Amino acid sequence: MSPILFAIYIDVHAFIWMIIRLNQDGCGCQLQSVYLGCLLCADDIMLLSHSLCAMNFMLKICEDFAAEYDLKFSTYKYLAIRIVYRHNKLCKPLVLSSNNLQFVSFVKYLSRHYAL
């Protein structure tokens, strides 16, 4: 969906609510007290978290947000990347809309590649 059509469809204030909720619940990353746990550009979302447990909690908040605003996630497009020294070890799955997210070694976000 184009950013303009997305802006027409969804109220930007709704996404601000989601970011505030994620921040208030202590989820996501911060850098010098600046919240960086949820990066948005139209309908592209990047969540950053310090743990898998916190990430699953963030995904639950996003699910609640989508249910409230009648949105659906295309979970086949959603990926997860672990950037830690034990990134290649098995771990608890990340779940969004009852689907496990696929762990990969790099992701593309806004035409930029991020890798381990």
Protein backbone atom coordinates (compact mmCIF):
# COMPACT_ATOMS: atom_id res chain seq x y z
CA MET A 1 0.00 0.00 0.00
CA SER A 2 1.38 3.42 -0.83
CA PRO A 3 2.17 5.78 2.07
CA ILE A 4 -0.48 8.26 0.86
CA LEU A 5 -3.26 5.66 0.69
CA PHE A 6 -2.18 4.26 4.02
CA ALA A 7 -2.32 7.74 5.59
CA ILE A 8 -5.86 8.16 4.24
CA TYR A 9 -6.97 4.78 5.56
CA ILE A 10 -5.49 4.90 9.05
CA ASP A 11 -5.34 7.78 11.46
CA VAL A 12 -1.70 8.64 12.20
CA HIS A 13 -2.68 9.27 15.81
CA ALA A 14 -3.51 5.58 16.09
CA PHE A 15 0.09 4.65 15.37
CA ILE A 16 1.27 7.25 17.85
CA TRP A 17 -0.93 5.48 20.42
CA MET A 18 0.77 2.18 19.59
CA ILE A 19 4.25 3.67 19.97
CA ILE A 20 3.31 5.31 23.28
CA ARG A 21 1.87 2.02 24.55
CA LEU A 22 5.02 0.11 23.59
CA ASN A 23 7.19 2.73 25.28
CA GLN A 24 5.06 2.92 28.46
CA ASP A 25 5.11 -0.84 28.85
CA GLY A 26 8.91 -0.73 28.85
CA CYS A 27 9.22 -2.65 25.61
CA GLY A 28 11.79 -1.97 22.98
CA CYS A 29 15.17 -0.31 22.78
CA GLN A 30 16.19 3.10 23.98
CA LEU A 31 19.28 5.10 23.14
CA GLN A 32 20.12 7.88 25.59
CA SER A 33 16.47 7.99 26.71
CA VAL A 34 15.16 8.22 23.12
CA TYR A 35 12.66 5.45 22.37
CA LEU A 36 13.66 3.39 19.33
CA GLY A 37 11.55 0.30 19.88
CA CYS A 38 9.12 0.94 17.04
CA LEU A 39 10.18 2.50 13.74
CA LEU A 40 7.38 3.30 11.27
CA CYS A 41 7.14 4.43 7.68
CA ALA A 42 3.57 4.14 6.36
CA ASP A 43 2.70 0.46 6.73
CA ASP A 44 6.29 -0.72 7.28
CA ILE A 45 7.04 -1.45 10.91
CA MET A 46 10.35 -2.39 12.53
CA LEU A 47 10.32 -3.47 16.16
CA LEU A 48 13.55 -3.48 18.17
CA SER A 49 13.81 -5.25 21.49
CA HIS A 50 16.42 -6.38 23.99
CA SER A 51 14.92 -9.87 24.47
CA LEU A 52 12.69 -12.44 22.84
CA CYS A 53 10.24 -12.24 25.72
CA ALA A 54 9.90 -8.47 25.33
CA MET A 55 9.56 -8.87 21.55
CA ASN A 56 6.69 -11.34 21.97
CA PHE A 57 5.02 -8.82 24.28
CA MET A 58 5.50 -6.09 21.65
CA LEU A 59 4.00 -8.35 18.98
CA LYS A 60 0.97 -8.89 21.23
CA ILE A 61 0.51 -5.11 21.54
CA CYS A 62 0.67 -4.87 17.74
CA GLU A 63 -1.95 -7.62 17.42
CA ASP A 64 -4.24 -5.74 19.81
CA PHE A 65 -3.69 -2.57 17.78
CA ALA A 66 -4.52 -4.37 14.52
CA ALA A 67 -7.69 -5.87 16.01
CA GLU A 68 -8.84 -2.46 17.26
CA TYR A 69 -8.28 -0.80 13.86
CA ASP A 70 -9.42 -3.76 11.73
CA LEU A 71 -5.98 -4.36 10.20
CA LYS A 72 -4.39 -7.67 9.30
CA PHE A 73 -0.71 -8.55 9.26
CA SER A 74 0.67 -10.38 6.24
CA THR A 75 2.74 -12.67 8.41
CA TYR A 76 4.44 -14.33 5.45
CA LYS A 77 6.26 -10.99 4.90
CA TYR A 78 7.34 -10.60 8.53
CA LEU A 79 10.81 -11.76 9.51
CA ALA A 80 12.92 -11.77 12.63
CA ILE A 81 16.64 -11.28 13.01
CA ARG A 82 18.64 -11.90 16.19
CA ILE A 83 21.71 -9.74 16.60
CA VAL A 84 23.48 -11.37 19.53
CA TYR A 85 26.48 -13.61 19.92
CA ARG A 86 24.21 -16.68 20.08
CA HIS A 87 22.09 -15.71 17.06
CA ASN A 88 22.36 -19.18 15.51
CA LYS A 89 21.04 -21.09 18.57
CA LEU A 90 17.48 -22.39 18.73
CA CYS A 91 15.13 -20.22 20.73
CA LYS A 92 11.50 -19.71 21.58
CA PRO A 93 9.54 -18.66 18.46
CA LEU A 94 8.21 -15.15 17.94
CA VAL A 95 4.48 -15.30 17.26
CA LEU A 96 2.34 -12.83 15.32
CA SER A 97 -1.31 -13.56 14.49
CA SER A 98 -0.84 -17.21 15.54
CA ASN A 99 2.07 -17.66 13.11
CA ASN A 100 5.73 -18.17 13.97
CA LEU A 101 8.01 -15.58 12.43
CA GLN A 102 10.90 -16.88 10.36
CA PHE A 103 14.40 -16.14 11.71
CA VAL A 104 16.79 -14.93 9.00
CA SER A 105 20.38 -13.66 8.79
CA PHE A 106 19.45 -10.34 7.15
CA VAL A 107 16.37 -8.16 6.67
CA LYS A 108 15.41 -5.43 4.23
CA TYR A 109 13.64 -2.35 5.61
CA LEU A 110 12.90 0.71 3.50
CA SER A 111 15.21 -0.54 0.74
CA ARG A 112 18.14 -0.97 3.15
CA HIS A 113 19.67 -4.32 4.14
CA TYR A 114 20.55 -5.12 7.74
CA ALA A 115 22.63 -8.22 8.43
CA LEU A 116 24.34 -10.05 11.26
